[in-house]
C-alpha atoms as a PDB file:
ATOM      1  CA  MET A   1     114.863  92.907 121.540  1.00  0.00           C
ATOM      2  CA  GLU A   2     112.218  93.809 118.534  1.00  0.00           C
ATOM      3  CA  TYR A   3     111.253  90.134 118.489  1.00  0.00           C
ATOM      4  CA  LYS A   4     110.284  90.300 122.174  1.00  0.00           C
ATOM      5  CA  VAL A   5     108.214  93.406 121.552  1.00  0.00           C
ATOM      6  CA  ILE A   6     106.242  91.647 118.983  1.00  0.00           C
ATOM      7  CA  LYS A   7     105.750  88.510 121.000  1.00  0.00           C
ATOM      8  CA  ILE A   8     104.384  90.748 123.762  1.00  0.00           C
ATOM      9  CA  ALA A   9     102.192  92.681 121.199  1.00  0.00           C
ATOM     10  CA  ARG A  10     100.946  89.261 119.688  1.00  0.00           C
ATOM     11  CA  LYS A  11     100.061  88.130 123.348  1.00  0.00           C
ATOM     12  CA  LEU A  12      97.938  91.476 123.901  1.00  0.00           C
ATOM     13  CA  PHE A  13      96.317  90.843 120.505  1.00  0.00           C
ATOM     14  CA  LYS A  14      95.150  87.430 121.515  1.00  0.00           C
ATOM     15  CA  VAL A  15      93.588  89.097 124.630  1.00  0.00           C
ATOM     16  CA  VAL A  16      91.989  91.910 122.751  1.00  0.00           C
ATOM     17  CA  ASN A  17      90.961  89.545 120.042  1.00  0.00           C
ATOM     18  CA  ALA A  18      88.664  87.527 122.355  1.00  0.00           C
ATOM     19  CA  ASP A  19      86.058  86.298 119.710  1.00  0.00           C
ATOM     20  CA  GLU A  20      88.119  83.805 117.692  1.00  0.00           C
ATOM     21  CA  SER A  21      85.126  82.681 115.771  1.00  0.00           C
ATOM     22  CA  CYS A  22      84.828  85.915 113.709  1.00  0.00           C
ATOM     23  CA  CYS A  23      88.384  85.237 112.130  1.00  0.00           C
ATOM     24  CA  ALA A  24      87.679  81.526 111.522  1.00  0.00           C
ATOM     25  CA  ASP A  25      87.280  81.737 107.732  1.00  0.00           C
ATOM     26  CA  CYS A  26      89.597  84.903 107.449  1.00  0.00           C
ATOM     27  CA  PRO A  27      92.952  84.681 105.628  1.00  0.00           C
ATOM     28  CA  TYR A  28      94.312  86.924 108.559  1.00  0.00           C
ATOM     29  CA  ARG A  29      93.167  87.710 112.019  1.00  0.00           C
ATOM     30  CA  HIS A  30      91.535  90.924 112.825  1.00  0.00           C
ATOM     31  CA  LEU A  31      89.726  92.918 115.611  1.00  0.00           C
ATOM     32  CA  SER A  32      85.938  92.850 115.447  1.00  0.00           C
ATOM     33  CA  LYS A  33      83.912  95.990 115.809  1.00  0.00           C
ATOM     34  CA  MET A  34      82.985  95.373 119.417  1.00  0.00           C
ATOM     35  CA  GLU A  35      86.519  94.203 120.156  1.00  0.00           C
ATOM     36  CA  ARG A  36      87.915  97.659 118.693  1.00  0.00           C
ATOM     37  CA  MET A  37      85.122  99.399 120.584  1.00  0.00           C
ATOM     38  CA  TYR A  38      86.311  97.785 123.961  1.00  0.00           C
ATOM     39  CA  LEU A  39      89.905  98.619 123.205  1.00  0.00           C
ATOM     40  CA  HIS A  40      89.093 102.194 122.671  1.00  0.00           C
ATOM     41  CA  ARG A  41      87.099 102.465 125.586  1.00  0.00           C
ATOM     42  CA  ILE A  42      89.878 101.263 127.677  1.00  0.00           C
ATOM     43  CA  LEU A  43      92.625 103.345 126.034  1.00  0.00           C
ATOM     44  CA  LYS A  44      90.343 106.574 126.273  1.00  0.00           C
ATOM     45  CA  ASP A  45      90.117 105.962 129.947  1.00  0.00           C
ATOM     46  CA  GLN A  46      92.944 108.099 131.317  1.00  0.00           C
ATOM     47  CA  ALA A  47      92.497 107.164 134.806  1.00  0.00           C
ATOM     48  CA  ARG A  48      93.535 103.478 134.048  1.00  0.00           C
ATOM     49  CA  TRP A  49      96.926 104.801 133.191  1.00  0.00           C
ATOM     50  CA  GLY A  50      99.678 106.355 135.431  1.00  0.00           C
ATOM     51  CA  SER A  51     101.375 109.283 134.032  1.00  0.00           C
ATOM     52  CA  ASP A  52     104.386 106.992 132.913  1.00  0.00           C
ATOM     53  CA  TYR A  53     102.121 105.338 130.423  1.00  0.00           C
ATOM     54  CA  ARG A  54      99.975 108.068 129.123  1.00  0.00           C
ATOM     55  CA  GLY A  55     102.239 109.158 126.334  1.00  0.00           C
ATOM     56  CA  PHE A  56     102.633 105.635 125.180  1.00  0.00           C
ATOM     57  CA  ILE A  57      98.847 104.905 125.403  1.00  0.00           C
ATOM     58  CA  ARG A  58      98.215 108.032 123.426  1.00  0.00           C
ATOM     59  CA  THR A  59     100.609 107.074 120.576  1.00  0.00           C
ATOM     60  CA  PHE A  60      99.451 103.641 120.658  1.00  0.00           C
ATOM     61  CA  GLN A  61      95.704 104.590 120.290  1.00  0.00           C
ATOM     62  CA  SER A  62      96.548 107.083 117.589  1.00  0.00           C
ATOM     63  CA  GLN A  63      98.263 104.349 115.546  1.00  0.00           C
ATOM     64  CA  ILE A  64      95.342 102.084 116.060  1.00  0.00           C
ATOM     65  CA  ILE A  65      92.990 104.795 114.685  1.00  0.00           C
ATOM     66  CA  ALA A  66      95.370 105.283 111.924  1.00  0.00           C
ATOM     67  CA  MET A  67      95.016 101.609 111.155  1.00  0.00           C
ATOM     68  CA  GLN A  68      91.286 101.670 111.006  1.00  0.00           C
ATOM     69  CA  ARG A  69      91.317 104.121 107.984  1.00  0.00           C
ATOM     70  CA  GLU A  70      89.652 102.872 104.696  1.00  0.00           C
ATOM     71  CA  GLU A  71      93.039 102.661 103.063  1.00  0.00           C
ATOM     72  CA  SER A  72      94.849 100.627 105.630  1.00  0.00           C
ATOM     73  CA  ASP A  73      95.314  96.978 105.039  1.00  0.00           C
ATOM     74  CA  ALA A  74      92.216  95.633 106.416  1.00  0.00           C
ATOM     75  CA  GLY A  75      90.161  98.983 106.131  1.00  0.00           C
ATOM     76  CA  GLU A  76      88.261  99.675 109.462  1.00  0.00           C
ATOM     77  CA  SER A  77      89.448  96.143 110.928  1.00  0.00           C
ATOM     78  CA  VAL A  78      92.696  95.979 112.771  1.00  0.00           C
ATOM     79  CA  THR A  79      94.679  93.128 111.743  1.00  0.00           C
ATOM     80  CA  GLU A  80      97.184  91.358 114.095  1.00  0.00           C
ATOM     81  CA  GLY A  81     100.295  92.756 111.899  1.00  0.00           C
ATOM     82  CA  GLU A  82      98.770  96.327 112.103  1.00  0.00           C
ATOM     83  CA  PHE A  83      98.395  95.965 115.890  1.00  0.00           C
ATOM     84  CA  CYS A  84     101.894  94.889 116.441  1.00  0.00           C
ATOM     85  CA  ASN A  85     103.041  97.693 114.215  1.00  0.00           C
ATOM     86  CA  ALA A  86     101.122 100.115 116.403  1.00  0.00           C
ATOM     87  CA  VAL A  87     102.840  98.766 119.718  1.00  0.00           C
ATOM     88  CA  LEU A  88     106.325  98.795 117.865  1.00  0.00           C
ATOM     89  CA  TYR A  89     105.655 102.521 116.923  1.00  0.00           C
ATOM     90  CA  ALA A  90     104.516 103.587 120.226  1.00  0.00           C
ATOM     91  CA  THR A  91     107.433 101.767 121.961  1.00  0.00           C
ATOM     92  CA  GLN A  92     109.916 103.622 119.441  1.00  0.00           C
ATOM     93  CA  GLU A  93     108.143 106.941 120.374  1.00  0.00           C
ATOM     94  CA  TYR A  94     108.453 106.418 124.088  1.00  0.00           C
ATOM     95  CA  MET A  95     112.157 105.224 123.858  1.00  0.00           C
ATOM     96  CA  GLU A  96     112.812 108.405 121.835  1.00  0.00           C
ATOM     97  CA  LYS A  97     111.268 110.745 124.297  1.00  0.00           C
ATOM     98  CA  ILE A  98     113.274 108.748 127.297  1.00  0.00           C
ATOM     99  CA  VAL A  99     116.368 109.224 125.306  1.00  0.00           C
ATOM    100  CA  LYS A 100     115.896 112.820 124.652  1.00  0.00           C
ATOM    101  CA  LYS A 101     115.013 113.646 128.157  1.00  0.00           C
ATOM    102  CA  MET A 102     118.218 111.545 129.353  1.00  0.00           C
ATOM    103  CA  HIS A 103     120.339 113.532 126.933  1.00  0.00           C
ATOM    104  CA  GLU A 104     118.996 116.743 128.004  1.00  0.00           C
ATOM    105  CA  GLU A 105     119.740 115.848 131.704  1.00  0.00           C
ATOM    106  CA  ILE A 106     123.167 114.602 130.962  1.00  0.00           C
ATOM    107  CA  LYS A 107     123.997 117.915 129.263  1.00  0.00           C
ATOM    108  CA  LYS A 108     122.803 119.996 132.403  1.00  0.00           C
ATOM    109  CA  GLU A 109     124.890 117.860 134.732  1.00  0.00           C
ATOM    110  CA  TYR A 110     128.144 118.463 132.542  1.00  0.00           C
ATOM    111  CA  LYS A 111     127.195 122.404 132.303  1.00  0.00           C
ATOM    112  CA  ALA A 112     126.792 122.447 136.104  1.00  0.00           C
ATOM    113  CA  ASP A 113     130.195 120.713 136.672  1.00  0.00           C
ATOM    114  CA  GLU A 114     131.735 122.939 134.212  1.00  0.00           C
ATOM    115  CA  LYS A 115     130.604 125.758 136.337  1.00  0.00           C
ATOM    116  CA  LEU A 116     131.617 124.358 139.372  1.00  0.00           C
ATOM    117  CA  ALA A 117     135.161 123.497 138.114  1.00  0.00           C
ATOM    118  CA  GLY A 118     135.632 126.997 136.683  1.00  0.00           C
ATOM    119  CA  ALA A 119     134.516 128.656 139.766  1.00  0.00           C
ATOM    120  CA  PRO A 120     137.151 130.432 141.895  1.00  0.00           C
END
């Protein structure tokens, strides 16, 4: 399953990494300054994302910003590996929130049924 998420992340990276000439001489592919600017502009525009996706997008964007710190693998550039890790992290966060919500809702249902079963 994780492999599938990485494949999807790589596909998205290829779309974002539109200028392939900038990486021709590099040992690893990374996003140029212009590509990062477009990515952030799209991610910041909340109107593009329905309420179901906003949490994922916020987490993904915060990870991309973290990957641009000087101490990251490629400094301010975002490598394909860092991009994929940001997608994986955002996916994990998103799933954790869904599972937590399901857990809470199931507990509520059990509690409601317990009250009904114990009612005279």
